[in-house]
Amino acid sequence: MRGQAFIVFENIDNAIKAQKTLKNRELFGKPMVIQFAKTKSDAIVLKREGEEALEQYKAPRKEAWEKLQKELKEKEAQAMKQAETDVTTKKKKLSDGRVVASNVESSKSSGARKGVVVKEQPAPPNKILFLENLPQGIHESKLNDIFSKYSGFVEVRLFAVRRVGFVEYETEKHAVSVKSSIGDLEVDGNSIKISYAKK
């Protein structure tokens, strides 16, 4: 024990005298507190009763010390086990979090892929027809020749680079009639897809 010491005298009288003389004396800047020990010292037991008596005298202390050491080891083992459990739990939570995040990303990705695969709903009938898969290098005049002969024709708008175009009529009825009349249109060996333009 830190800050404590045991001093053994030949007899009780000498011990009492030393206590009175040294009471409240300072040692290393601090007053000493001198009290009588609650038990006999090992030195006195050994001197007066011998080694066998000393061993018996020390036995309870030894047992208590061993018990204390055992309890400390058990507590240390429990603390280590708990620490390992905490680490495992944290790793599992982290792993679960990554799995959830991965699943979310996968779902988003899957949804995106599905969005590409699923066919878009065709636009409802309206006065503008949408042309796709036009021949490379086609001229607007050729499309005018094809569609201007139908009643209600307004204009053709060609986007040659993208090989698409728009044909506008005065009314929806005109456009529907033209689409029905033309059916499958082939221009310069290309099968032209005709649908209604998106508004």
N, C-alpha and C. Protein backbone atom coordinates (compact mmCIF):
# COMPACT_ATOMS: atom_id res chain seq x y z
N MET A 1 0.84 -1.20 0.00
CA MET A 1 0.00 0.00 0.00
C MET A 1 0.87 1.25 0.00
N ARG A 2 0.59 2.17 -0.89
CA ARG A 2 1.42 3.36 -1.01
C ARG A 2 1.20 4.30 0.17
N GLY A 3 2.31 4.90 0.64
CA GLY A 3 2.23 5.88 1.72
C GLY A 3 2.08 5.27 3.10
N GLN A 4 2.26 3.94 3.20
CA GLN A 4 2.13 3.29 4.50
C GLN A 4 3.36 2.43 4.78
N ALA A 5 3.60 2.21 6.08
CA ALA A 5 4.72 1.35 6.48
C ALA A 5 4.41 0.73 7.84
N PHE A 6 4.96 -0.45 8.07
CA PHE A 6 4.79 -1.14 9.35
C PHE A 6 6.15 -1.21 10.06
N ILE A 7 6.16 -0.81 11.33
CA ILE A 7 7.40 -0.85 12.12
C ILE A 7 7.16 -1.72 13.35
N VAL A 8 8.04 -2.69 13.54
CA VAL A 8 7.88 -3.65 14.65
C VAL A 8 8.89 -3.32 15.77
N PHE A 9 8.36 -3.22 17.00
CA PHE A 9 9.22 -3.00 18.18
C PHE A 9 9.28 -4.28 19.01
N GLU A 10 10.26 -4.32 19.91
CA GLU A 10 10.45 -5.48 20.78
C GLU A 10 9.27 -5.69 21.71
N ASN A 11 8.68 -4.57 22.16
CA ASN A 11 7.57 -4.68 23.10
C ASN A 11 6.61 -3.52 22.92
N ILE A 12 5.45 -3.62 23.55
CA ILE A 12 4.38 -2.64 23.42
C ILE A 12 4.77 -1.28 23.99
N ASP A 13 5.58 -1.29 25.07
CA ASP A 13 5.98 -0.02 25.69
C ASP A 13 6.78 0.84 24.72
N ASN A 14 7.72 0.21 24.04
CA ASN A 14 8.53 0.95 23.07
C ASN A 14 7.66 1.48 21.93
N ALA A 15 6.69 0.71 21.54
CA ALA A 15 5.80 1.14 20.46
C ALA A 15 4.98 2.35 20.89
N ILE A 16 4.47 2.34 22.13
CA ILE A 16 3.68 3.47 22.64
C ILE A 16 4.54 4.73 22.73
N LYS A 17 5.77 4.57 23.21
CA LYS A 17 6.69 5.71 23.34
C LYS A 17 6.98 6.32 21.97
N ALA A 18 7.21 5.47 20.97
CA ALA A 18 7.50 5.96 19.62
C ALA A 18 6.30 6.70 19.05
N GLN A 19 5.11 6.19 19.31
CA GLN A 19 3.90 6.84 18.79
C GLN A 19 3.75 8.24 19.37
N LYS A 20 3.95 8.40 20.68
CA LYS A 20 3.81 9.70 21.32
C LYS A 20 4.88 10.67 20.86
N THR A 21 6.08 10.17 20.69
CA THR A 21 7.21 11.05 20.32
C THR A 21 7.08 11.55 18.87
N LEU A 22 6.65 10.67 18.00
CA LEU A 22 6.63 11.02 16.56
C LEU A 22 5.27 11.52 16.07
N LYS A 23 4.30 11.60 16.95
CA LYS A 23 2.96 12.02 16.53
C LYS A 23 2.98 13.41 15.93
N ASN A 24 2.38 13.55 14.77
CA ASN A 24 2.27 14.82 14.03
C ASN A 24 3.60 15.34 13.49
N ARG A 25 4.66 14.54 13.59
CA ARG A 25 5.93 14.93 12.96
C ARG A 25 5.75 14.87 11.43
N GLU A 26 6.50 15.73 10.74
CA GLU A 26 6.39 15.74 9.27
C GLU A 26 7.46 14.86 8.64
N LEU A 27 7.07 14.20 7.57
CA LEU A 27 7.99 13.38 6.78
C LEU A 27 7.76 13.71 5.31
N PHE A 28 8.82 14.21 4.67
CA PHE A 28 8.71 14.66 3.27
C PHE A 28 7.61 15.72 3.10
N GLY A 29 7.52 16.61 4.12
CA GLY A 29 6.58 17.72 4.02
C GLY A 29 5.16 17.40 4.41
N LYS A 30 4.90 16.18 4.90
CA LYS A 30 3.54 15.81 5.29
C LYS A 30 3.54 15.25 6.71
N PRO A 31 2.51 15.59 7.53
CA PRO A 31 2.45 15.06 8.91
C PRO A 31 2.18 13.56 8.90
N MET A 32 2.86 12.85 9.79
CA MET A 32 2.67 11.40 9.87
C MET A 32 1.48 11.07 10.76
N VAL A 33 0.72 10.07 10.34
CA VAL A 33 -0.38 9.54 11.14
C VAL A 33 0.07 8.17 11.65
N ILE A 34 0.26 8.07 12.96
CA ILE A 34 0.80 6.84 13.54
C ILE A 34 -0.28 6.13 14.34
N GLN A 35 -0.57 4.88 13.96
CA GLN A 35 -1.58 4.08 14.63
C GLN A 35 -1.03 2.68 14.88
N PHE A 36 -1.66 2.00 15.82
CA PHE A 36 -1.26 0.61 16.06
C PHE A 36 -1.92 -0.29 15.02
N ALA A 37 -1.17 -1.28 14.57
CA ALA A 37 -1.70 -2.24 13.60
C ALA A 37 -2.79 -3.09 14.23
N LYS A 38 -3.74 -3.53 13.40
CA LYS A 38 -4.86 -4.33 13.90
C LYS A 38 -4.48 -5.80 14.10
N THR A 39 -3.40 -6.22 13.48
CA THR A 39 -2.96 -7.62 13.62
C THR A 39 -1.48 -7.65 13.95
N LYS A 40 -1.04 -8.82 14.38
CA LYS A 40 0.38 -9.00 14.69
C LYS A 40 1.18 -9.03 13.40
N SER A 41 2.42 -8.59 13.49
CA SER A 41 3.28 -8.63 12.32
C SER A 41 3.82 -10.03 12.11
N ASP A 42 4.16 -10.34 10.84
CA ASP A 42 4.74 -11.64 10.52
C ASP A 42 6.04 -11.86 11.29
N ALA A 43 6.78 -10.78 11.46
CA ALA A 43 8.08 -10.90 12.15
C ALA A 43 7.90 -11.35 13.59
N ILE A 44 6.90 -10.80 14.29
CA ILE A 44 6.64 -11.18 15.69
C ILE A 44 6.19 -12.64 15.78
N VAL A 45 5.28 -13.02 14.85
CA VAL A 45 4.79 -14.41 14.86
C VAL A 45 5.94 -15.37 14.61
N LEU A 46 6.78 -15.05 13.64
CA LEU A 46 7.92 -15.91 13.32
C LEU A 46 8.88 -16.02 14.50
N LYS A 47 9.16 -14.89 15.13
CA LYS A 47 10.13 -14.86 16.22
C LYS A 47 9.61 -15.60 17.46
N ARG A 48 8.32 -15.43 17.75
CA ARG A 48 7.79 -15.98 18.99
C ARG A 48 7.20 -17.39 18.82
N GLU A 49 6.65 -17.70 17.59
CA GLU A 49 5.92 -18.95 17.45
C GLU A 49 6.51 -19.90 16.42
N GLY A 50 7.43 -19.41 15.58
CA GLY A 50 8.07 -20.29 14.62
C GLY A 50 7.44 -20.26 13.23
N GLU A 51 8.10 -20.98 12.31
CA GLU A 51 7.70 -20.94 10.89
C GLU A 51 6.33 -21.59 10.64
N GLU A 52 6.07 -22.69 11.32
CA GLU A 52 4.79 -23.37 11.11
C GLU A 52 3.62 -22.48 11.51
N ALA A 53 3.76 -21.81 12.65
CA ALA A 53 2.73 -20.88 13.10
C ALA A 53 2.57 -19.71 12.14
N LEU A 54 3.71 -19.28 11.59
CA LEU A 54 3.67 -18.18 10.63
C LEU A 54 2.87 -18.57 9.38
N GLU A 55 3.09 -19.78 8.89
CA GLU A 55 2.37 -20.24 7.70
C GLU A 55 0.87 -20.30 7.96
N GLN A 56 0.51 -20.80 9.14
CA GLN A 56 -0.91 -20.85 9.51
C GLN A 56 -1.49 -19.44 9.64
N TYR A 57 -0.69 -18.55 10.17
CA TYR A 57 -1.11 -17.16 10.37
C TYR A 57 -1.34 -16.46 9.02
N LYS A 58 -0.48 -16.79 8.06
CA LYS A 58 -0.56 -16.14 6.75
C LYS A 58 -1.60 -16.79 5.83
N ALA A 59 -2.06 -18.00 6.20
CA ALA A 59 -2.97 -18.76 5.33
C ALA A 59 -4.23 -17.99 4.93
N PRO A 60 -4.96 -17.36 5.88
CA PRO A 60 -6.17 -16.62 5.49
C PRO A 60 -5.88 -15.49 4.51
N ARG A 61 -4.78 -14.78 4.75
CA ARG A 61 -4.41 -13.70 3.84
C ARG A 61 -4.08 -14.22 2.45
N LYS A 62 -3.37 -15.35 2.44
CA LYS A 62 -2.99 -15.96 1.17
C LYS A 62 -4.24 -16.39 0.40
N GLU A 63 -5.19 -16.98 1.14
CA GLU A 63 -6.44 -17.43 0.51
C GLU A 63 -7.23 -16.25 -0.04
N ALA A 64 -7.28 -15.18 0.76
CA ALA A 64 -8.00 -13.98 0.32
C ALA A 64 -7.34 -13.36 -0.91
N TRP A 65 -6.00 -13.36 -0.92
CA TRP A 65 -5.25 -12.82 -2.05
C TRP A 65 -5.50 -13.64 -3.32
N GLU A 66 -5.47 -14.96 -3.18
CA GLU A 66 -5.71 -15.82 -4.34
C GLU A 66 -7.14 -15.65 -4.88
N LYS A 67 -8.09 -15.49 -3.93
CA LYS A 67 -9.48 -15.28 -4.34
C LYS A 67 -9.62 -13.97 -5.11
N LEU A 68 -8.94 -12.94 -4.60
CA LEU A 68 -8.98 -11.64 -5.26
C LEU A 68 -8.39 -11.71 -6.66
N GLN A 69 -7.24 -12.42 -6.78
CA GLN A 69 -6.61 -12.56 -8.09
C GLN A 69 -7.50 -13.31 -9.07
N LYS A 70 -8.20 -14.34 -8.56
CA LYS A 70 -9.11 -15.12 -9.40
C LYS A 70 -10.25 -14.25 -9.90
N GLU A 71 -10.81 -13.45 -8.98
CA GLU A 71 -11.91 -12.56 -9.36
C GLU A 71 -11.47 -11.53 -10.40
N LEU A 72 -10.26 -11.02 -10.21
CA LEU A 72 -9.74 -10.04 -11.17
C LEU A 72 -9.56 -10.65 -12.55
N LYS A 73 -9.05 -11.90 -12.58
CA LYS A 73 -8.86 -12.58 -13.86
C LYS A 73 -10.19 -12.85 -14.54
N GLU A 74 -11.19 -13.25 -13.73
CA GLU A 74 -12.52 -13.51 -14.29
C GLU A 74 -13.14 -12.24 -14.87
N LYS A 75 -12.98 -11.13 -14.14
CA LYS A 75 -13.51 -9.85 -14.62
C LYS A 75 -12.79 -9.42 -15.90
N GLU A 76 -11.47 -9.65 -15.92
CA GLU A 76 -10.69 -9.30 -17.10
C GLU A 76 -11.14 -10.13 -18.31
N ALA A 77 -11.38 -11.44 -18.07
CA ALA A 77 -11.83 -12.32 -19.15
C ALA A 77 -13.21 -11.89 -19.67
N GLN A 78 -14.10 -11.51 -18.73
CA GLN A 78 -15.42 -11.05 -19.12
C GLN A 78 -15.34 -9.76 -19.93
N ALA A 79 -14.45 -8.87 -19.50
CA ALA A 79 -14.27 -7.60 -20.21
C ALA A 79 -13.75 -7.84 -21.62
N MET A 80 -12.80 -8.78 -21.76
CA MET A 80 -12.26 -9.11 -23.07
C MET A 80 -13.34 -9.71 -23.97
N LYS A 81 -14.15 -10.61 -23.39
CA LYS A 81 -15.23 -11.25 -24.15
C LYS A 81 -16.24 -10.22 -24.62
N GLN A 82 -16.58 -9.29 -23.71
CA GLN A 82 -17.54 -8.24 -24.06
C GLN A 82 -16.99 -7.34 -25.16
N ALA A 83 -15.68 -7.04 -25.05
CA ALA A 83 -15.04 -6.20 -26.08
C ALA A 83 -15.10 -6.89 -27.44
N GLU A 84 -14.82 -8.21 -27.45
CA GLU A 84 -14.88 -8.96 -28.71
C GLU A 84 -16.29 -8.97 -29.27
N THR A 85 -17.28 -9.13 -28.37
CA THR A 85 -18.68 -9.12 -28.81
C THR A 85 -19.05 -7.77 -29.40
N ASP A 86 -18.59 -6.69 -28.75
CA ASP A 86 -18.88 -5.34 -29.24
C ASP A 86 -18.28 -5.12 -30.62
N VAL A 87 -17.04 -5.58 -30.80
CA VAL A 87 -16.36 -5.43 -32.09
C VAL A 87 -17.11 -6.20 -33.17
N THR A 88 -17.51 -7.45 -32.84
CA THR A 88 -18.25 -8.28 -33.80
C THR A 88 -19.57 -7.63 -34.17
N THR A 89 -20.27 -7.08 -33.16
CA THR A 89 -21.55 -6.42 -33.41
C THR A 89 -21.38 -5.21 -34.31
N LYS A 90 -20.34 -4.42 -34.04
CA LYS A 90 -20.09 -3.23 -34.86
C LYS A 90 -19.77 -3.62 -36.30
N LYS A 91 -18.96 -4.68 -36.45
CA LYS A 91 -18.61 -5.14 -37.79
C LYS A 91 -19.85 -5.61 -38.54
N LYS A 92 -20.74 -6.33 -37.81
CA LYS A 92 -21.96 -6.85 -38.44
C LYS A 92 -22.86 -5.70 -38.87
N LYS A 93 -22.99 -4.68 -37.98
CA LYS A 93 -23.81 -3.52 -38.32
C LYS A 93 -23.25 -2.81 -39.54
N LEU A 94 -21.92 -2.67 -39.56
CA LEU A 94 -21.27 -2.02 -40.70
C LEU A 94 -21.50 -2.82 -41.96
N SER A 95 -21.35 -4.16 -41.85
CA SER A 95 -21.56 -5.04 -43.00
C SER A 95 -23.00 -4.98 -43.47
N ASP A 96 -23.96 -5.00 -42.51
CA ASP A 96 -25.37 -4.93 -42.85
C ASP A 96 -25.69 -3.62 -43.55
N GLY A 97 -25.05 -2.54 -43.03
CA GLY A 97 -25.26 -1.23 -43.64
C GLY A 97 -24.78 -1.20 -45.08
N ARG A 98 -23.62 -1.85 -45.32
CA ARG A 98 -23.09 -1.90 -46.68
C ARG A 98 -23.99 -2.73 -47.59
N VAL A 99 -24.52 -3.84 -47.03
CA VAL A 99 -25.42 -4.70 -47.82
C VAL A 99 -26.68 -3.95 -48.19
N VAL A 100 -27.24 -3.20 -47.20
CA VAL A 100 -28.45 -2.43 -47.47
C VAL A 100 -28.18 -1.38 -48.54
N ALA A 101 -27.04 -0.68 -48.38
CA ALA A 101 -26.67 0.34 -49.37
C ALA A 101 -26.49 -0.28 -50.74
N SER A 102 -25.85 -1.46 -50.76
CA SER A 102 -25.62 -2.17 -52.02
C SER A 102 -26.94 -2.58 -52.66
N ASN A 103 -27.88 -3.06 -51.81
CA ASN A 103 -29.18 -3.48 -52.33
C ASN A 103 -29.96 -2.29 -52.89
N VAL A 104 -29.83 -1.14 -52.19
CA VAL A 104 -30.51 0.06 -52.67
C VAL A 104 -29.96 0.47 -54.02
N GLU A 105 -28.62 0.47 -54.12
CA GLU A 105 -27.99 0.83 -55.39
C GLU A 105 -28.36 -0.16 -56.47
N SER A 106 -28.39 -1.45 -56.09
CA SER A 106 -28.75 -2.50 -57.05
C SER A 106 -30.18 -2.32 -57.54
N SER A 107 -31.07 -1.96 -56.59
CA SER A 107 -32.47 -1.75 -56.96
C SER A 107 -32.60 -0.57 -57.91
N LYS A 108 -31.84 0.50 -57.57
CA LYS A 108 -31.87 1.67 -58.44
C LYS A 108 -31.36 1.32 -59.83
N SER A 109 -30.23 0.59 -59.84
CA SER A 109 -29.64 0.19 -61.11
C SER A 109 -30.57 -0.70 -61.89
N SER A 110 -31.20 -1.65 -61.16
CA SER A 110 -32.13 -2.57 -61.79
C SER A 110 -33.32 -1.81 -62.35
N GLY A 111 -33.79 -0.84 -61.54
CA GLY A 111 -34.91 -0.04 -61.99
C GLY A 111 -34.56 0.75 -63.23
N ALA A 112 -33.31 1.27 -63.23
CA ALA A 112 -32.86 2.03 -64.40
C ALA A 112 -32.81 1.14 -65.63
N ARG A 113 -32.27 -0.09 -65.42
CA ARG A 113 -32.18 -1.02 -66.55
C ARG A 113 -33.57 -1.40 -67.05
N LYS A 114 -34.48 -1.62 -66.09
CA LYS A 114 -35.83 -1.97 -66.47
C LYS A 114 -36.48 -0.82 -67.24
N GLY A 115 -36.15 0.41 -66.81
CA GLY A 115 -36.72 1.57 -67.48
C GLY A 115 -36.30 1.63 -68.93
N VAL A 116 -35.08 1.14 -69.23
CA VAL A 116 -34.60 1.15 -70.61
C VAL A 116 -35.29 0.06 -71.41
N VAL A 117 -35.51 -1.08 -70.76
CA VAL A 117 -36.06 -2.24 -71.46
C VAL A 117 -37.55 -2.08 -71.73
N VAL A 118 -38.28 -1.54 -70.74
CA VAL A 118 -39.74 -1.41 -70.89
C VAL A 118 -40.06 -0.43 -72.01
N LYS A 119 -40.96 -0.84 -72.91
CA LYS A 119 -41.35 0.02 -74.02
C LYS A 119 -42.21 1.16 -73.52
N GLU A 120 -41.94 2.33 -74.08
CA GLU A 120 -42.73 3.49 -73.70
C GLU A 120 -44.12 3.41 -74.32
N GLN A 121 -45.07 3.95 -73.61
CA GLN A 121 -46.43 3.97 -74.14
C GLN A 121 -46.49 4.92 -75.33
N PRO A 122 -47.12 4.49 -76.40
CA PRO A 122 -47.21 5.37 -77.58
C PRO A 122 -48.03 6.62 -77.27
N ALA A 123 -47.67 7.70 -77.94
CA ALA A 123 -48.38 8.96 -77.73
C ALA A 123 -49.80 8.83 -78.29
N PRO A 124 -50.75 9.50 -77.67
CA PRO A 124 -52.14 9.45 -78.18
C PRO A 124 -52.25 10.18 -79.51
N PRO A 125 -53.26 9.88 -80.27
CA PRO A 125 -53.44 10.54 -81.57
C PRO A 125 -53.47 12.06 -81.44
N ASN A 126 -52.79 12.73 -82.35
CA ASN A 126 -52.82 14.20 -82.42
C ASN A 126 -52.49 14.61 -83.85
N LYS A 127 -52.40 15.89 -84.10
CA LYS A 127 -52.30 16.37 -85.49
C LYS A 127 -50.88 16.29 -86.07
N ILE A 128 -49.90 15.85 -85.28
CA ILE A 128 -48.52 15.75 -85.78
C ILE A 128 -48.07 14.30 -85.81
N LEU A 129 -47.60 13.87 -86.98
CA LEU A 129 -47.07 12.52 -87.13
C LEU A 129 -45.56 12.53 -86.95
N PHE A 130 -45.04 11.48 -86.35
CA PHE A 130 -43.60 11.36 -86.10
C PHE A 130 -43.05 10.25 -86.99
N LEU A 131 -42.02 10.57 -87.77
CA LEU A 131 -41.42 9.62 -88.70
C LEU A 131 -40.05 9.18 -88.18
N GLU A 132 -39.79 7.85 -88.21
CA GLU A 132 -38.51 7.30 -87.77
C GLU A 132 -37.94 6.38 -88.84
N ASN A 133 -36.61 6.19 -88.76
CA ASN A 133 -35.89 5.30 -89.68
C ASN A 133 -35.94 5.80 -91.13
N LEU A 134 -35.83 7.11 -91.26
CA LEU A 134 -35.79 7.68 -92.61
C LEU A 134 -34.48 7.32 -93.30
N PRO A 135 -34.47 7.23 -94.64
CA PRO A 135 -33.24 6.89 -95.37
C PRO A 135 -32.17 7.96 -95.16
N GLN A 136 -30.93 7.53 -95.15
CA GLN A 136 -29.82 8.46 -95.01
C GLN A 136 -29.80 9.41 -96.20
N GLY A 137 -29.74 10.72 -95.96
CA GLY A 137 -29.64 11.70 -97.03
C GLY A 137 -30.95 12.07 -97.69
N ILE A 138 -32.06 11.66 -97.10
CA ILE A 138 -33.36 12.00 -97.69
C ILE A 138 -33.60 13.51 -97.64
N HIS A 139 -34.30 14.04 -98.65
CA HIS A 139 -34.58 15.48 -98.70
C HIS A 139 -36.00 15.76 -98.25
N GLU A 140 -36.18 16.94 -97.71
CA GLU A 140 -37.50 17.34 -97.22
C GLU A 140 -38.53 17.37 -98.34
N SER A 141 -38.08 17.71 -99.52
CA SER A 141 -38.99 17.80 -100.68
C SER A 141 -39.65 16.46 -100.99
N LYS A 142 -38.90 15.38 -100.78
CA LYS A 142 -39.45 14.05 -101.05
C LYS A 142 -40.57 13.73 -100.07
N LEU A 143 -40.39 14.09 -98.82
CA LEU A 143 -41.43 13.87 -97.82
C LEU A 143 -42.64 14.75 -98.10
N ASN A 144 -42.38 15.97 -98.59
CA ASN A 144 -43.48 16.85 -98.97
C ASN A 144 -44.33 16.23 -100.07
N ASP A 145 -43.66 15.62 -101.03
CA ASP A 145 -44.37 14.98 -102.15
C ASP A 145 -45.28 13.87 -101.65
N ILE A 146 -44.81 13.13 -100.62
CA ILE A 146 -45.57 11.98 -100.12
C ILE A 146 -46.78 12.43 -99.30
N PHE A 147 -46.57 13.41 -98.40
CA PHE A 147 -47.61 13.74 -97.42
C PHE A 147 -48.48 14.94 -97.81
N SER A 148 -48.02 15.78 -98.74
CA SER A 148 -48.79 16.97 -99.09
C SER A 148 -50.05 16.65 -99.90
N LYS A 149 -50.11 15.49 -100.49
CA LYS A 149 -51.27 15.11 -101.30
C LYS A 149 -52.49 14.74 -100.45
N TYR A 150 -52.27 14.67 -99.11
CA TYR A 150 -53.38 14.35 -98.22
C TYR A 150 -53.99 15.64 -97.68
N SER A 151 -55.28 15.60 -97.49
CA SER A 151 -56.03 16.78 -97.06
C SER A 151 -55.57 17.25 -95.68
N GLY A 152 -55.48 18.58 -95.52
CA GLY A 152 -55.13 19.18 -94.24
C GLY A 152 -53.64 19.31 -93.99
N PHE A 153 -52.82 19.02 -94.98
CA PHE A 153 -51.36 19.08 -94.82
C PHE A 153 -50.92 20.51 -94.49
N VAL A 154 -49.98 20.63 -93.53
CA VAL A 154 -49.45 21.94 -93.14
C VAL A 154 -47.97 22.04 -93.53
N GLU A 155 -47.13 21.16 -92.97
CA GLU A 155 -45.70 21.22 -93.27
C GLU A 155 -44.97 19.95 -92.86
N VAL A 156 -43.71 19.83 -93.34
CA VAL A 156 -42.80 18.75 -92.95
C VAL A 156 -41.58 19.39 -92.28
N ARG A 157 -41.14 18.82 -91.17
CA ARG A 157 -39.91 19.28 -90.51
C ARG A 157 -38.97 18.09 -90.44
N LEU A 158 -37.85 18.20 -91.11
CA LEU A 158 -36.91 17.08 -91.21
C LEU A 158 -35.68 17.31 -90.34
N PHE A 159 -35.27 16.25 -89.63
CA PHE A 159 -34.01 16.24 -88.88
C PHE A 159 -33.16 15.13 -89.46
N ALA A 160 -32.48 15.47 -90.56
CA ALA A 160 -31.77 14.46 -91.35
C ALA A 160 -30.68 13.74 -90.57
N VAL A 161 -29.97 14.46 -89.71
CA VAL A 161 -28.88 13.84 -88.95
C VAL A 161 -29.40 12.70 -88.09
N ARG A 162 -30.55 12.90 -87.50
CA ARG A 162 -31.14 11.87 -86.63
C ARG A 162 -32.05 10.93 -87.41
N ARG A 163 -32.26 11.22 -88.66
CA ARG A 163 -33.09 10.39 -89.54
C ARG A 163 -34.52 10.28 -89.02
N VAL A 164 -35.04 11.42 -88.55
CA VAL A 164 -36.42 11.50 -88.09
C VAL A 164 -37.05 12.77 -88.67
N GLY A 165 -38.39 12.81 -88.64
CA GLY A 165 -39.08 13.99 -89.13
C GLY A 165 -40.47 14.09 -88.56
N PHE A 166 -41.09 15.28 -88.74
CA PHE A 166 -42.45 15.51 -88.26
C PHE A 166 -43.30 16.00 -89.43
N VAL A 167 -44.53 15.51 -89.48
CA VAL A 167 -45.48 15.96 -90.51
C VAL A 167 -46.70 16.49 -89.79
N GLU A 168 -46.99 17.79 -90.02
CA GLU A 168 -48.11 18.40 -89.31
C GLU A 168 -49.31 18.59 -90.22
N TYR A 169 -50.51 18.31 -89.62
CA TYR A 169 -51.76 18.51 -90.33
C TYR A 169 -52.62 19.50 -89.56
N GLU A 170 -53.67 19.95 -90.19
CA GLU A 170 -54.50 20.98 -89.57
C GLU A 170 -55.23 20.47 -88.33
N THR A 171 -55.67 19.24 -88.38
CA THR A 171 -56.41 18.69 -87.25
C THR A 171 -55.96 17.27 -86.94
N GLU A 172 -56.39 16.80 -85.80
CA GLU A 172 -56.08 15.42 -85.40
C GLU A 172 -56.74 14.43 -86.35
N LYS A 173 -57.95 14.75 -86.80
CA LYS A 173 -58.66 13.84 -87.71
C LYS A 173 -57.90 13.66 -89.01
N HIS A 174 -57.30 14.74 -89.48
CA HIS A 174 -56.51 14.65 -90.72
C HIS A 174 -55.32 13.71 -90.52
N ALA A 175 -54.60 13.89 -89.41
CA ALA A 175 -53.41 13.06 -89.15
C ALA A 175 -53.78 11.60 -88.99
N VAL A 176 -54.88 11.33 -88.28
CA VAL A 176 -55.31 9.94 -88.08
C VAL A 176 -55.67 9.31 -89.42
N SER A 177 -56.35 10.07 -90.25
CA SER A 177 -56.75 9.57 -91.57
C SER A 177 -55.53 9.24 -92.43
N VAL A 178 -54.51 10.12 -92.38
CA VAL A 178 -53.29 9.89 -93.17
C VAL A 178 -52.56 8.65 -92.67
N LYS A 179 -52.42 8.53 -91.37
CA LYS A 179 -51.70 7.38 -90.79
C LYS A 179 -52.38 6.07 -91.19
N SER A 180 -53.72 6.08 -91.18
CA SER A 180 -54.46 4.89 -91.56
C SER A 180 -54.31 4.58 -93.04
N SER A 181 -54.32 5.61 -93.82
CA SER A 181 -54.26 5.43 -95.28
C SER A 181 -52.90 4.93 -95.74
N ILE A 182 -51.83 5.49 -95.16
CA ILE A 182 -50.48 5.13 -95.60
C ILE A 182 -50.11 3.74 -95.11
N GLY A 183 -50.44 3.41 -93.88
CA GLY A 183 -50.09 2.11 -93.32
C GLY A 183 -48.58 1.94 -93.26
N ASP A 184 -48.08 0.87 -93.90
CA ASP A 184 -46.63 0.63 -93.95
C ASP A 184 -46.04 1.41 -95.10
N LEU A 185 -45.15 2.35 -94.76
CA LEU A 185 -44.54 3.19 -95.78
C LEU A 185 -43.09 2.80 -95.99
N GLU A 186 -42.71 2.61 -97.25
CA GLU A 186 -41.32 2.28 -97.57
C GLU A 186 -40.76 3.34 -98.50
N VAL A 187 -39.60 3.91 -98.12
CA VAL A 187 -38.96 4.96 -98.91
C VAL A 187 -37.50 4.58 -99.13
N ASP A 188 -37.10 4.48 -100.40
CA ASP A 188 -35.72 4.14 -100.76
C ASP A 188 -35.24 2.87 -100.04
N GLY A 189 -36.10 1.89 -99.92
CA GLY A 189 -35.72 0.62 -99.30
C GLY A 189 -35.81 0.60 -97.78
N ASN A 190 -36.16 1.72 -97.17
CA ASN A 190 -36.30 1.80 -95.70
C ASN A 190 -37.76 1.73 -95.31
N SER A 191 -38.04 0.88 -94.31
CA SER A 191 -39.39 0.80 -93.78
C SER A 191 -39.56 1.90 -92.75
N ILE A 192 -40.41 2.88 -93.05
CA ILE A 192 -40.58 4.05 -92.19
C ILE A 192 -41.60 3.76 -91.10
N LYS A 193 -41.22 4.06 -89.86
CA LYS A 193 -42.14 3.90 -88.75
C LYS A 193 -42.88 5.22 -88.54
N ILE A 194 -44.22 5.14 -88.54
CA ILE A 194 -45.04 6.34 -88.36
C ILE A 194 -45.83 6.22 -87.07
N SER A 195 -45.70 7.22 -86.22
CA SER A 195 -46.45 7.25 -84.97
C SER A 195 -46.87 8.68 -84.70
N TYR A 196 -47.57 8.89 -83.59
CA TYR A 196 -47.97 10.24 -83.23
C TYR A 196 -46.88 10.89 -82.38
N ALA A 197 -46.62 12.15 -82.66
CA ALA A 197 -45.59 12.88 -81.91
C ALA A 197 -46.04 13.11 -80.48
N LYS A 198 -45.06 13.14 -79.59
CA LYS A 198 -45.37 13.44 -78.19
C LYS A 198 -45.59 14.93 -78.04
N LYS A 199 -46.60 15.28 -77.28
CA LYS A 199 -46.87 16.70 -77.07
C LYS A 199 -45.95 17.27 -76.00
